[in-house]
């Protein structure tokens, strides 16, 4: 075989550049771990009809290897000329002979042995030794001349997109797109559409024609408008879509756009259309756990028990108490640590917001603890915000009840004689007056001594 200078030059240049980038300080800090075997695995034999990029994507290294694929060069071998030509991103053809150089680099802290064994899929039969090169931080594993082979493709007959929750008014597009996914184990994947979003969404008119450009993730769905979602998918390596594959969303055809199909180029377009319903109106608006303030109680203590009725389709934005300020001649919002005082006029306020897909009815009814009588006439509601107000004065704190006197008889001491025996004094336990006086005098002297000792200290 004639030596191909171009191919050798490419291999040597790659190794030289890689070696020149090696950090000298890395060796100064400590010796690298030496790798004495390099294996390149995957679909190394090209398939007819596959592009260079698709084929290269199937080339990898064993799991847990301490090196990785840097890049791959493919060549066309022309037998009559006994020479190689660079193969650009074209499609591999039947009857054409190809070769490749797989460039591998070690992970940080590792290096290749100069005599490292180079294999492809664990064997040396596919390795062209003449073009292989290896040094400490780069290796070129070369594939022998080989003819592209036919691929037996597995046909995909069902295409599904999961995780599509029907959008509601007030929800953002991002919340919907974040949940879209392909079924686990699917033999197809999201297509790389370059700068075009995938999946994406458009606003549609009544004829389902798009209105404007694709929508940004922060777009808020509006009630009554129609939106179209589209997802482009492509089969994985070794698979192909059936031209009549069934296309579903969440396993159903309910919202699938009629033009969803498999293109002649092999990709599939999954489209689904949905009209956002009008807001569900909330006609009963209220809070529970409300208590009129007590003199001496703080605002924070009072509001701690306020909550929403179970199953409410709205949330609390804020709770507060206001007090009429004579200097301002207006209601002033109180601080959480402020204390309720006697004789002042107070106003409770709950600001509420509807959940996504809901709106307050302007004619809705208000309750506090289920009672409409506690609600101020100034309470109001508009579509996306509601105020519930009450008015009152602080009430006195409840006093602790005093112990009531009872008519129960008490045990009075009596001088009634008893039949109990009385211990008669004996000579052993009876002190005479003189002995008792001496004992008392001893205790008194001891006490005086303790005081004197304390004073000396």
Protein backbone atom coordinates (compact mmCIF):
# COMPACT_ATOMS: atom_id res chain seq x y z
CA UNK A 1 0.00 0.00 0.00
CA UNK A 2 1.19 3.52 -0.76
CA UNK A 3 1.81 5.61 2.34
CA UNK A 4 -0.79 8.35 2.61
CA UNK A 5 1.06 11.43 3.78
CA UNK A 6 -2.10 13.43 4.35
CA UNK A 7 -3.55 10.89 6.77
CA UNK A 8 -0.24 10.45 8.63
CA UNK A 9 0.31 14.20 8.80
CA UNK A 10 -3.18 14.67 10.29
CA UNK A 11 -2.52 12.05 12.95
CA UNK A 12 0.91 13.40 13.87
CA UNK A 13 -0.33 17.02 13.93
CA UNK A 14 -3.15 16.08 16.28
CA UNK A 15 -0.74 14.34 18.61
CA UNK A 16 1.76 17.21 18.51
CA UNK A 17 -0.88 19.85 19.29
CA UNK A 18 -2.25 17.72 22.10
CA UNK A 19 1.21 17.18 23.59
CA UNK A 20 2.11 20.88 23.38
CA UNK A 21 -0.92 21.72 25.51
CA UNK A 22 0.16 19.39 28.32
CA UNK A 23 0.67 21.36 31.54
CA UNK A 24 4.20 20.99 32.93
CA UNK A 25 2.96 21.93 36.39
CA UNK A 26 0.60 18.96 36.35
CA UNK A 27 3.57 16.61 36.52
CA UNK A 28 5.23 18.75 39.17
CA UNK A 29 2.26 18.28 41.47
CA UNK A 30 2.35 14.50 41.23
CA UNK A 31 2.68 11.61 38.82
CA UNK A 32 -0.23 10.68 36.57
CA UNK A 33 -1.79 7.24 36.58
CA UNK A 34 -0.66 5.34 33.49
CA UNK A 35 -3.23 3.78 31.15
CA UNK A 36 -1.81 0.76 29.30
CA UNK A 37 -4.86 -0.18 27.17
CA UNK A 38 -7.23 1.94 25.07
CA UNK A 39 -10.46 0.56 23.59
CA UNK A 40 -12.88 2.34 21.27
CA UNK A 41 -16.36 0.80 21.10
CA UNK A 42 -19.69 1.30 19.34
CA UNK A 43 -20.94 1.21 15.76
CA UNK A 44 -17.57 1.74 14.12
CA UNK A 45 -18.51 0.15 10.78
CA UNK A 46 -20.43 2.77 8.78
CA UNK A 47 -24.00 2.09 7.64
CA UNK A 48 -25.37 2.89 4.22
CA UNK A 49 -27.65 5.94 4.30
CA UNK A 50 -26.26 7.29 7.60
CA UNK A 51 -24.49 10.66 7.79
CA UNK A 52 -20.99 11.10 9.16
CA UNK A 53 -22.35 12.98 12.18
CA UNK A 54 -24.91 10.25 12.95
CA UNK A 55 -22.29 7.52 12.68
CA UNK A 56 -19.73 9.41 14.77
CA UNK A 57 -22.30 9.89 17.52
CA UNK A 58 -22.29 6.10 18.00
CA UNK A 59 -18.53 5.97 18.73
CA UNK A 60 -17.67 5.93 22.45
CA UNK A 61 -15.38 4.42 25.08
CA UNK A 62 -16.19 1.74 27.69
CA UNK A 63 -18.14 2.86 30.75
CA UNK A 64 -15.80 3.90 33.53
CA UNK A 65 -12.83 4.41 31.18
CA UNK A 66 -10.40 7.11 32.26
CA UNK A 67 -10.23 8.60 28.77
CA UNK A 68 -12.69 9.96 26.21
CA UNK A 69 -13.24 10.51 22.47
CA UNK A 70 -11.78 13.84 21.39
CA UNK A 71 -12.87 13.74 17.73
CA UNK A 72 -13.15 11.40 14.73
CA UNK A 73 -11.86 11.75 11.15
CA UNK A 74 -13.51 9.70 8.38
CA UNK A 75 -11.84 8.93 5.03
CA UNK A 76 -12.87 7.46 1.67
CA UNK A 77 -10.40 4.90 0.36
CA UNK A 78 -10.03 4.83 -3.42
CA UNK A 79 -8.61 1.43 -4.24
CA UNK A 80 -7.47 2.27 -7.81
CA UNK A 81 -5.38 5.15 -6.51
CA UNK A 82 -4.46 3.43 -3.25
CA UNK A 83 -5.16 6.71 -1.50
CA UNK A 84 -7.47 8.31 1.08
CA UNK A 85 -9.64 11.41 0.79
CA UNK A 86 -11.33 13.32 3.57
CA UNK A 87 -15.00 12.44 3.98
CA UNK A 88 -17.11 15.49 4.83
CA UNK A 89 -20.55 15.33 6.43
CA UNK A 90 -22.12 13.29 3.69
CA UNK A 91 -24.04 10.03 3.64
CA UNK A 92 -22.23 6.71 3.59
CA UNK A 93 -22.88 4.87 0.33
CA UNK A 94 -23.15 1.22 -0.65
CA UNK A 95 -20.01 -0.30 -2.18
CA UNK A 96 -17.68 2.47 -0.97
CA UNK A 97 -14.73 1.68 1.30
CA UNK A 98 -14.11 3.88 4.33
CA UNK A 99 -11.53 4.26 7.09
CA UNK A 100 -11.43 6.35 10.25
CA UNK A 101 -9.11 7.70 12.92
CA UNK A 102 -10.50 7.87 16.45
CA UNK A 103 -8.62 10.40 18.58
CA UNK A 104 -8.71 9.72 22.32
CA UNK A 105 -7.46 11.81 25.25
CA UNK A 106 -6.91 10.77 28.91
CA UNK A 107 -8.83 12.26 31.81
CA UNK A 108 -7.10 14.69 34.14
CA UNK A 109 -4.55 12.89 36.32
CA UNK A 110 -4.02 10.11 33.75
CA UNK A 111 -1.68 9.52 30.82
CA UNK A 112 -1.23 6.86 28.15
CA UNK A 113 1.72 4.46 28.15
CA UNK A 114 3.83 4.72 25.00
CA UNK A 115 3.20 1.04 24.33
CA UNK A 116 -0.51 1.10 25.27
CA UNK A 117 -2.54 -1.63 23.54
CA UNK A 118 -5.07 -0.13 21.11
CA UNK A 119 -8.25 -2.07 20.28
CA UNK A 120 -11.68 -1.51 18.69
CA UNK A 121 -14.62 -3.22 20.39
CA UNK A 122 -12.09 -5.21 22.42
CA UNK A 123 -10.41 -6.73 19.34
CA UNK A 124 -7.38 -5.85 17.27
CA UNK A 125 -8.75 -7.19 13.97
CA UNK A 126 -10.34 -3.83 13.08
CA UNK A 127 -7.22 -1.83 13.99
CA UNK A 128 -4.92 -0.49 11.25
CA UNK A 129 -1.60 -0.42 13.11
CA UNK A 130 0.18 1.66 10.50
CA UNK A 131 -1.85 4.78 11.26
CA UNK A 132 -2.11 4.30 15.02
CA UNK A 133 -0.17 6.70 17.21
CA UNK A 134 0.07 7.11 20.98
CA UNK A 135 1.89 9.37 23.43
CA UNK A 136 1.30 10.42 27.03
CA UNK A 137 -1.78 12.57 26.47
CA UNK A 138 -3.25 11.52 23.11
CA UNK A 139 -3.87 8.37 21.10
CA UNK A 140 -5.01 7.77 17.53
CA UNK A 141 -6.85 4.45 17.08
CA UNK A 142 -7.28 3.74 13.36
CA UNK A 143 -9.99 1.70 11.68
CA UNK A 144 -8.98 -0.61 8.82
CA UNK A 145 -10.44 -0.14 5.36
CA UNK A 146 -14.01 -1.36 5.52
CA UNK A 147 -17.04 -1.25 3.25
CA UNK A 148 -20.24 0.44 4.44
CA UNK A 149 -22.88 -2.13 5.32
CA UNK A 150 -26.62 -2.21 5.04
CA UNK A 151 -28.53 -1.47 8.20
CA UNK A 152 -31.53 -3.51 9.30
CA UNK A 153 -33.82 -0.81 10.66
CA UNK A 154 -36.50 -1.40 13.29
CA UNK A 155 -39.76 0.30 12.41
CA UNK A 156 -41.54 2.54 14.94
CA UNK A 157 -45.31 2.41 14.53
CA UNK A 158 -46.42 4.56 17.51
CA UNK A 159 -45.26 8.06 18.44
CA UNK A 160 -46.44 9.66 21.68
CA UNK A 161 -45.73 12.84 23.62
CA UNK A 162 -46.42 12.71 27.38
CA UNK A 163 -46.88 15.20 30.20
CA UNK A 164 -49.26 17.56 28.39
CA UNK A 165 -51.49 19.19 31.01
CA UNK A 166 -54.36 21.18 29.51
CA UNK A 167 -53.43 24.86 30.00
CA UNK A 168 -55.74 27.14 31.92
CA UNK A 169 -56.12 30.90 31.76
CA UNK A 170 -53.42 32.68 33.73
CA UNK A 171 -50.89 29.83 33.44
CA UNK A 172 -47.58 30.38 31.64
CA UNK A 173 -46.38 28.49 28.57
CA UNK A 174 -43.17 27.57 30.39
CA UNK A 175 -45.12 25.62 32.99
CA UNK A 176 -46.64 23.49 30.21
CA UNK A 177 -43.48 23.00 28.15
CA UNK A 178 -41.43 22.04 31.21
CA UNK A 179 -43.60 18.96 31.71
CA UNK A 180 -43.63 17.74 28.10
CA UNK A 181 -41.52 14.62 27.62
CA UNK A 182 -41.17 11.48 25.53
CA UNK A 183 -42.15 8.07 26.92
CA UNK A 184 -39.47 6.26 28.90
CA UNK A 185 -37.62 3.84 26.64
CA UNK A 186 -38.84 5.51 23.42
CA UNK A 187 -36.67 4.76 20.39
CA UNK A 188 -36.99 8.34 19.17
CA UNK A 189 -35.83 11.67 20.55
CA UNK A 190 -36.38 15.40 20.28
CA UNK A 191 -35.03 16.66 16.98
CA UNK A 192 -32.24 19.22 17.00
CA UNK A 193 -33.92 22.12 15.21
CA UNK A 194 -31.05 24.56 15.60
CA UNK A 195 -32.19 28.01 16.69
CA UNK A 196 -35.88 27.07 16.56
CA UNK A 197 -37.45 26.07 19.88
CA UNK A 198 -38.54 22.47 20.18
CA UNK A 199 -41.13 21.92 21.65
CA UNK A 200 -42.77 25.27 20.91
CA UNK A 201 -46.17 26.94 20.84
CA UNK A 202 -48.09 29.41 18.66
CA UNK A 203 -51.31 31.36 19.05
CA UNK A 204 -53.80 30.25 16.38
CA UNK A 205 -56.79 31.88 14.73
CA UNK A 206 -60.14 30.16 14.10
CA UNK A 207 -58.70 28.41 11.04
CA UNK A 208 -55.73 27.16 13.09
CA UNK A 209 -53.30 29.40 11.21
CA UNK A 210 -50.53 30.76 13.41
CA UNK A 211 -50.75 34.34 14.65
CA UNK A 212 -47.27 35.83 14.91
CA UNK A 213 -44.05 34.16 15.97
CA UNK A 214 -43.55 31.33 18.43
CA UNK A 215 -44.41 32.29 21.98
CA UNK A 216 -41.86 32.81 24.74
CA UNK A 217 -42.02 30.65 27.89
CA UNK A 218 -43.31 33.58 29.98
CA UNK A 219 -46.40 33.98 27.76
CA UNK A 220 -49.59 33.81 29.83
CA UNK A 221 -52.48 31.81 28.37
CA UNK A 222 -55.60 33.89 27.83
CA UNK A 223 -59.15 32.59 28.18
CA UNK A 224 -60.93 31.87 24.91
CA UNK A 225 -57.77 31.86 22.77
CA UNK A 226 -56.55 28.89 20.71
CA UNK A 227 -52.99 27.64 21.00
CA UNK A 228 -51.06 25.12 18.94
CA UNK A 229 -48.16 23.07 20.30
CA UNK A 230 -45.62 21.33 18.11
CA UNK A 231 -42.91 18.79 18.86
CA UNK A 232 -40.41 17.50 16.30
CA UNK A 233 -38.98 14.04 16.92
CA UNK A 234 -36.49 11.88 15.08
CA UNK A 235 -35.81 8.12 15.32
CA UNK A 236 -32.73 6.95 17.16
CA UNK A 237 -29.89 5.20 15.39
CA UNK A 238 -31.07 1.92 13.91
CA UNK A 239 -34.76 2.89 13.89
CA UNK A 240 -37.13 4.41 11.37
CA UNK A 241 -40.66 5.81 11.62
CA UNK A 242 -43.46 4.03 9.80
CA UNK A 243 -44.95 6.57 7.39
CA UNK A 244 -48.37 5.80 8.90
CA UNK A 245 -47.28 5.67 12.54
CA UNK A 246 -50.07 6.48 15.01
CA UNK A 247 -49.41 9.85 16.66
CA UNK A 248 -50.85 10.53 20.12
CA UNK A 249 -50.54 12.97 23.01
CA UNK A 250 -50.78 11.47 26.50
CA UNK A 251 -51.76 8.25 24.72
CA UNK A 252 -54.84 9.88 23.18
CA UNK A 253 -55.75 11.43 19.83
CA UNK A 254 -58.17 13.93 21.43
CA UNK A 255 -56.07 17.04 20.85
CA UNK A 256 -53.76 15.84 18.04
CA UNK A 257 -53.64 18.26 15.10
CA UNK A 258 -54.82 16.64 11.88
CA UNK A 259 -51.63 17.60 10.01
CA UNK A 260 -49.40 15.69 12.44
CA UNK A 261 -47.43 13.17 10.38
CA UNK A 262 -44.12 11.53 9.51
CA UNK A 263 -42.18 13.56 6.94
CA UNK A 264 -40.41 12.04 3.97
CA UNK A 265 -37.11 13.15 5.54
CA UNK A 266 -37.76 10.67 8.36
CA UNK A 267 -38.70 13.06 11.16
CA UNK A 268 -42.16 13.28 12.68
CA UNK A 269 -44.26 16.35 13.48
CA UNK A 270 -46.49 16.00 16.54
CA UNK A 271 -48.98 18.88 16.77
CA UNK A 272 -51.81 19.40 19.22
CA UNK A 273 -54.36 22.19 19.49
CA UNK A 274 -56.28 23.43 22.51
CA UNK A 275 -58.66 26.30 23.23
CA UNK A 276 -58.24 27.72 26.71
CA UNK A 277 -61.61 27.80 28.53
CA UNK A 278 -63.02 30.87 30.23
CA UNK A 279 -62.18 31.42 33.90
CA UNK A 280 -64.20 29.47 36.45
CA UNK A 281 -65.98 32.10 38.55
CA UNK A 282 -65.72 32.07 42.35
CA UNK A 283 -69.00 33.30 43.82
CA UNK A 284 -68.43 32.58 47.53
CA UNK A 285 -65.47 34.37 49.10
CA UNK A 286 -64.55 34.08 52.75
CA UNK A 287 -62.02 33.45 55.51
CA UNK A 288 -62.18 31.44 58.72
CA UNK A 289 -60.48 31.62 62.10
CA UNK A 290 -61.16 35.35 62.49
CA UNK A 291 -61.43 36.73 66.04
CA UNK A 292 -62.23 40.22 67.22
CA UNK A 293 -59.14 41.76 68.83
CA UNK A 294 -58.65 41.82 72.58
CA UNK A 295 -57.20 44.78 74.47
CA UNK A 296 -53.49 44.08 75.05
CA UNK A 297 -53.26 41.48 72.26
CA UNK A 298 -50.75 42.01 69.43
CA UNK A 299 -51.73 42.09 65.76
CA UNK A 300 -49.51 39.10 65.04
CA UNK A 301 -51.16 37.01 67.76
CA UNK A 302 -54.63 37.85 66.47
CA UNK A 303 -53.96 37.03 62.81
CA UNK A 304 -52.24 33.70 63.50
CA UNK A 305 -55.52 31.76 63.39
CA UNK A 306 -56.95 33.20 60.16
CA UNK A 307 -57.16 30.68 57.28
CA UNK A 308 -59.11 29.82 54.14
CA UNK A 309 -62.12 27.49 53.95
CA UNK A 310 -61.19 23.95 52.95
CA UNK A 311 -61.16 23.51 49.16
CA UNK A 312 -61.01 27.25 48.42
CA UNK A 313 -59.80 28.05 44.88
CA UNK A 314 -58.01 31.20 45.95
CA UNK A 315 -55.13 32.14 48.20
CA UNK A 316 -54.33 34.75 50.85
CA UNK A 317 -52.21 37.59 49.57
CA UNK A 318 -52.00 39.42 52.90
CA UNK A 319 -53.77 39.88 56.24
CA UNK A 320 -53.63 43.00 58.37
CA UNK A 321 -55.38 45.22 60.89
CA UNK A 322 -55.82 48.95 60.44
CA UNK A 323 -56.48 51.56 63.13
CA UNK A 324 -58.06 54.96 62.71
CA UNK A 325 -55.33 57.56 63.21
CA UNK A 326 -56.70 60.93 64.37
CA UNK A 327 -53.62 62.82 63.15
CA UNK A 328 -53.84 61.28 59.69
CA UNK A 329 -57.64 61.33 59.80
CA UNK A 330 -57.45 58.00 58.04
CA UNK A 331 -56.90 54.29 58.63
CA UNK A 332 -53.26 53.32 59.22
CA UNK A 333 -52.00 49.74 58.75
CA UNK A 334 -50.68 48.41 62.05
CA UNK A 335 -47.36 46.71 62.66
CA UNK A 336 -47.32 43.07 63.73
CA UNK A 337 -46.10 43.87 67.24
CA UNK A 338 -48.58 46.68 67.87
CA UNK A 339 -51.07 46.15 70.68
CA UNK A 340 -54.82 46.71 70.50
CA UNK A 341 -56.05 49.50 72.83
CA UNK A 342 -59.34 50.36 74.44
CA UNK A 343 -61.65 52.83 72.71
CA UNK A 344 -59.99 52.79 69.26
CA UNK A 345 -61.65 51.81 66.00
CA UNK A 346 -60.08 48.92 64.09
CA UNK A 347 -60.54 47.40 60.64
CA UNK A 348 -59.52 43.86 59.59
CA UNK A 349 -58.51 43.29 55.95
CA UNK A 350 -57.87 40.09 53.97
CA UNK A 351 -56.55 40.46 50.40
CA UNK A 352 -57.26 37.35 48.32
CA UNK A 353 -56.17 36.18 44.86
CA UNK A 354 -57.79 33.45 42.70
CA UNK A 355 -55.92 30.31 41.69
CA UNK A 356 -54.83 29.86 38.07
CA UNK A 357 -57.89 29.29 35.87
CA UNK A 358 -60.25 30.98 38.35
CA UNK A 359 -61.61 34.50 38.75
CA UNK A 360 -63.72 36.25 41.39
CA UNK A 361 -67.29 37.14 40.54
CA UNK A 362 -67.93 40.86 41.05
CA UNK A 363 -71.30 39.93 42.55
CA UNK A 364 -69.94 37.21 44.83
CA UNK A 365 -70.94 36.95 48.49
CA UNK A 366 -68.54 37.49 51.42
CA UNK A 367 -68.36 35.71 54.76
CA UNK A 368 -66.14 35.76 57.83
CA UNK A 369 -66.31 32.54 59.86
CA UNK A 370 -69.26 31.64 57.64
CA UNK A 371 -71.16 34.75 58.80
CA UNK A 372 -72.03 37.51 56.36
CA UNK A 373 -73.07 39.87 59.17
CA UNK A 374 -69.44 40.36 60.25
CA UNK A 375 -68.42 41.64 56.82
CA UNK A 376 -68.11 45.37 56.19
CA UNK A 377 -70.14 46.92 53.38
CA UNK A 378 -66.86 48.20 51.93
CA UNK A 379 -65.69 44.69 51.03
CA UNK A 380 -65.37 44.20 47.28
CA UNK A 381 -64.16 41.86 44.52
CA UNK A 382 -62.91 42.32 41.00
CA UNK A 383 -61.78 39.61 38.57
CA UNK A 384 -58.36 38.88 40.06
CA UNK A 385 -58.39 40.47 43.51
CA UNK A 386 -60.76 40.60 46.46
CA UNK A 387 -60.83 42.52 49.77
CA UNK A 388 -62.75 41.29 52.82
CA UNK A 389 -63.13 43.96 55.53
CA UNK A 390 -64.57 44.08 59.06
CA UNK A 391 -64.89 46.93 61.58
CA UNK A 392 -64.85 46.72 65.38
CA UNK A 393 -63.41 47.96 68.67
CA UNK A 394 -61.05 45.91 70.81
CA UNK A 395 -62.84 44.04 73.55
CA UNK A 396 -61.62 43.64 77.15
CA UNK A 397 -59.65 40.56 77.98
CA UNK A 398 -61.65 37.94 79.90
CA UNK A 399 -60.86 37.97 83.62
CA UNK A 400 -59.84 34.81 85.43
CA UNK A 401 -62.73 33.56 87.68
CA UNK A 402 -62.10 33.86 91.43
CA UNK A 403 -62.45 30.87 93.79
CA UNK A 404 -66.06 30.87 95.14
CA UNK A 405 -66.56 30.28 98.93
CA UNK A 406 -68.17 26.98 99.75
CA UNK A 407 -70.39 25.81 102.61
CA UNK A 408 -68.29 22.75 103.14
CA UNK A 409 -67.53 22.15 106.87
CA UNK A 410 -63.92 22.53 107.90
CA UNK A 411 -62.18 20.23 110.31
CA UNK A 412 -61.99 22.06 113.70
CA UNK A 413 -59.62 20.86 116.38
CA UNK A 414 -61.43 19.37 119.38
CA UNK A 415 -60.48 18.69 122.98
CA UNK A 416 -62.26 15.42 122.92
CA UNK A 417 -60.44 12.78 124.99
CA UNK A 418 -59.21 9.80 123.05
CA UNK A 419 -58.57 6.28 124.05
CA UNK A 420 -55.13 6.38 122.40
CA UNK A 421 -52.31 5.30 124.81
CA UNK A 422 -49.88 8.08 125.82
CA UNK A 423 -46.16 7.34 125.97
CA UNK A 424 -45.07 7.68 129.53
CA UNK A 425 -41.68 9.32 130.04
CA UNK A 426 -38.82 7.08 131.03
CA UNK A 427 -35.49 7.73 132.62
CA UNK A 428 -33.82 7.08 129.24
CA UNK A 429 -35.46 9.86 127.24
CA UNK A 430 -36.29 12.52 129.75
CA UNK A 431 -34.02 15.57 130.11
CA UNK A 432 -33.98 17.48 133.35
CA UNK A 433 -34.42 21.24 133.29
CA UNK A 434 -30.69 21.73 133.92
CA UNK A 435 -29.76 19.35 131.08
CA UNK A 436 -32.12 21.09 128.66
CA UNK A 437 -30.74 24.49 129.63
CA UNK A 438 -27.17 23.34 129.01
CA UNK A 439 -28.10 21.87 125.59
CA UNK A 440 -29.78 25.15 124.52
CA UNK A 441 -26.75 27.12 125.71
CA UNK A 442 -24.51 24.86 123.58
CA UNK A 443 -26.58 25.53 120.42
CA UNK A 444 -26.50 29.28 121.08
CA UNK A 445 -22.70 29.26 121.51
CA UNK A 446 -22.30 27.28 118.27
CA UNK A 447 -24.38 29.85 116.40
CA UNK A 448 -22.28 32.71 117.79
CA UNK A 449 -19.13 30.86 116.72
CA UNK A 450 -20.48 30.46 113.12
CA UNK A 451 -21.24 34.18 112.91
CA UNK A 452 -17.80 35.02 114.26
CA UNK A 453 -16.20 32.66 111.75
CA UNK A 454 -18.10 34.25 108.88
CA UNK A 455 -16.96 37.70 110.00
CA UNK A 456 -13.31 36.60 110.06
CA UNK A 457 -13.67 35.33 106.52
